[in-house]
């Protein structure tokens, strides 16, 4: 359930930062990164970790990366979320 929410949020953010005439190209690049390059890189790195250190280490590595991402998202929300709330109140 989290992936559709994350991908939808990415599209909405893309619409905010990309000019109207470049939105189709922006969506294509986003899809390429989400479904192409990132999958190839993650599979390669995950396979290397699994082969060298085993499944337990791979799981701990992925869990650590997820936790760091969550902390980073919370920090960004604290910084930019307040700005967006203040901007919406002004409208």
C-alpha atoms as a PDB file:
ATOM      1  CA  UNK A   1       0.000   0.000   0.000  1.00  0.00           C
ATOM      2  CA  UNK A   2       2.897   2.389   0.590  1.00  0.00           C
ATOM      3  CA  UNK A   3       4.277   2.235  -2.948  1.00  0.00           C
ATOM      4  CA  UNK A   4       1.168   3.707  -4.662  1.00  0.00           C
ATOM      5  CA  UNK A   5       1.090   6.526  -2.118  1.00  0.00           C
ATOM      6  CA  UNK A   6       4.801   7.207  -2.548  1.00  0.00           C
ATOM      7  CA  UNK A   7       4.625   7.102  -6.342  1.00  0.00           C
ATOM      8  CA  UNK A   8       1.557   9.381  -6.400  1.00  0.00           C
ATOM      9  CA  UNK A   9       3.347  11.836  -4.122  1.00  0.00           C
ATOM     10  CA  UNK A  10       6.369  11.736  -6.425  1.00  0.00           C
ATOM     11  CA  UNK A  11       4.161  12.560  -9.422  1.00  0.00           C
ATOM     12  CA  UNK A  12       2.549  15.459  -7.538  1.00  0.00           C
ATOM     13  CA  UNK A  13       5.980  16.795  -6.553  1.00  0.00           C
ATOM     14  CA  UNK A  14       7.130  16.401 -10.143  1.00  0.00           C
ATOM     15  CA  UNK A  15       4.178  18.517 -11.295  1.00  0.00           C
ATOM     16  CA  UNK A  16       5.233  21.264  -8.890  1.00  0.00           C
ATOM     17  CA  UNK A  17       8.861  21.468  -9.980  1.00  0.00           C
ATOM     18  CA  UNK A  18       8.684  20.697 -13.717  1.00  0.00           C
ATOM     19  CA  UNK A  19       7.316  23.241 -16.204  1.00  0.00           C
ATOM     20  CA  UNK A  20       4.070  22.246 -17.950  1.00  0.00           C
ATOM     21  CA  UNK A  21       5.724  21.656 -21.318  1.00  0.00           C
ATOM     22  CA  UNK A  22       8.217  19.179 -19.760  1.00  0.00           C
ATOM     23  CA  UNK A  23       5.797  17.149 -17.578  1.00  0.00           C
ATOM     24  CA  UNK A  24       5.533  14.170 -19.926  1.00  0.00           C
ATOM     25  CA  UNK A  25       9.312  13.963 -20.118  1.00  0.00           C
ATOM     26  CA  UNK A  26       9.534  14.312 -16.345  1.00  0.00           C
ATOM     27  CA  UNK A  27       7.093  11.443 -15.853  1.00  0.00           C
ATOM     28  CA  UNK A  28       9.076   9.277 -18.257  1.00  0.00           C
ATOM     29  CA  UNK A  29      12.340   9.957 -16.432  1.00  0.00           C
ATOM     30  CA  UNK A  30      10.671   9.292 -13.084  1.00  0.00           C
ATOM     31  CA  UNK A  31       9.273   5.961 -14.315  1.00  0.00           C
ATOM     32  CA  UNK A  32      12.661   5.021 -15.761  1.00  0.00           C
ATOM     33  CA  UNK A  33      14.340   5.684 -12.435  1.00  0.00           C
ATOM     34  CA  UNK A  34      11.640   3.935 -10.389  1.00  0.00           C
ATOM     35  CA  UNK A  35      11.216   0.824 -12.505  1.00  0.00           C
ATOM     36  CA  UNK A  36      14.455   0.531 -14.434  1.00  0.00           C
ATOM     37  CA  UNK A  37      17.698   1.837 -13.059  1.00  0.00           C
ATOM     38  CA  UNK A  38      16.819   1.557  -9.373  1.00  0.00           C
ATOM     39  CA  UNK A  39      15.676  -2.059  -9.735  1.00  0.00           C
ATOM     40  CA  UNK A  40      18.834  -3.054 -11.561  1.00  0.00           C
ATOM     41  CA  UNK A  41      21.119  -1.376  -9.033  1.00  0.00           C
ATOM     42  CA  UNK A  42      19.198  -2.655  -5.995  1.00  0.00           C
ATOM     43  CA  UNK A  43      19.120  -6.215  -7.340  1.00  0.00           C
ATOM     44  CA  UNK A  44      22.832  -6.181  -8.030  1.00  0.00           C
ATOM     45  CA  UNK A  45      23.764  -4.762  -4.616  1.00  0.00           C
ATOM     46  CA  UNK A  46      21.263  -6.974  -2.785  1.00  0.00           C
ATOM     47  CA  UNK A  47      22.558 -10.070  -4.555  1.00  0.00           C
ATOM     48  CA  UNK A  48      26.152  -9.176  -3.731  1.00  0.00           C
ATOM     49  CA  UNK A  49      25.313  -8.651  -0.050  1.00  0.00           C
ATOM     50  CA  UNK A  50      23.275 -11.868   0.072  1.00  0.00           C
ATOM     51  CA  UNK A  51      26.044 -13.846  -1.608  1.00  0.00           C
ATOM     52  CA  UNK A  52      28.805 -12.483   0.604  1.00  0.00           C
ATOM     53  CA  UNK A  53      27.076 -12.172   3.990  1.00  0.00           C
ATOM     54  CA  UNK A  54      23.792 -14.089   3.863  1.00  0.00           C
ATOM     55  CA  UNK A  55      20.107 -13.263   4.163  1.00  0.00           C
ATOM     56  CA  UNK A  56      20.176 -11.982   7.746  1.00  0.00           C
ATOM     57  CA  UNK A  57      22.734  -9.300   6.910  1.00  0.00           C
ATOM     58  CA  UNK A  58      20.808  -8.311   3.780  1.00  0.00           C
ATOM     59  CA  UNK A  59      17.607  -7.940   5.807  1.00  0.00           C
ATOM     60  CA  UNK A  60      19.386  -5.828   8.455  1.00  0.00           C
ATOM     61  CA  UNK A  61      20.946  -3.668   5.731  1.00  0.00           C
ATOM     62  CA  UNK A  62      17.602  -3.058   4.027  1.00  0.00           C
ATOM     63  CA  UNK A  63      15.950  -2.355   7.386  1.00  0.00           C
ATOM     64  CA  UNK A  64      18.671   0.167   8.249  1.00  0.00           C
ATOM     65  CA  UNK A  65      18.282   1.934   4.910  1.00  0.00           C
ATOM     66  CA  UNK A  66      14.498   2.100   5.425  1.00  0.00           C
ATOM     67  CA  UNK A  67      14.917   3.510   8.928  1.00  0.00           C
ATOM     68  CA  UNK A  68      17.356   6.175   7.682  1.00  0.00           C
ATOM     69  CA  UNK A  69      14.855   7.097   4.954  1.00  0.00           C
ATOM     70  CA  UNK A  70      12.077   7.447   7.522  1.00  0.00           C
ATOM     71  CA  UNK A  71      14.225   9.697   9.742  1.00  0.00           C
ATOM     72  CA  UNK A  72      15.205  11.792   6.715  1.00  0.00           C
ATOM     73  CA  UNK A  73      11.537  12.142   5.708  1.00  0.00           C
ATOM     74  CA  UNK A  74      10.623  13.258   9.216  1.00  0.00           C
ATOM     75  CA  UNK A  75      13.401  15.861   9.202  1.00  0.00           C
ATOM     76  CA  UNK A  76      12.274  17.161   5.817  1.00  0.00           C
ATOM     77  CA  UNK A  77       8.679  17.329   7.028  1.00  0.00           C
ATOM     78  CA  UNK A  78       9.747  19.309  10.081  1.00  0.00           C
ATOM     79  CA  UNK A  79      11.643  21.750   7.866  1.00  0.00           C
ATOM     80  CA  UNK A  80       9.344  22.051   4.857  1.00  0.00           C
ATOM     81  CA  UNK A  81       6.008  20.839   6.208  1.00  0.00           C
ATOM     82  CA  UNK A  82       5.671  23.858   8.455  1.00  0.00           C
ATOM     83  CA  UNK A  83       6.399  26.145   5.527  1.00  0.00           C
ATOM     84  CA  UNK A  84       3.679  24.508   3.436  1.00  0.00           C
ATOM     85  CA  UNK A  85       1.166  24.697   6.300  1.00  0.00           C
ATOM     86  CA  UNK A  86       1.960  28.390   6.795  1.00  0.00           C
ATOM     87  CA  UNK A  87       1.641  29.080   3.058  1.00  0.00           C
ATOM     88  CA  UNK A  88      -1.733  27.319   2.910  1.00  0.00           C
ATOM     89  CA  UNK A  89      -3.042  29.323   5.867  1.00  0.00           C
ATOM     90  CA  UNK A  90      -2.065  32.564   4.116  1.00  0.00           C
ATOM     91  CA  UNK A  91      -4.183  31.717   1.060  1.00  0.00           C
END
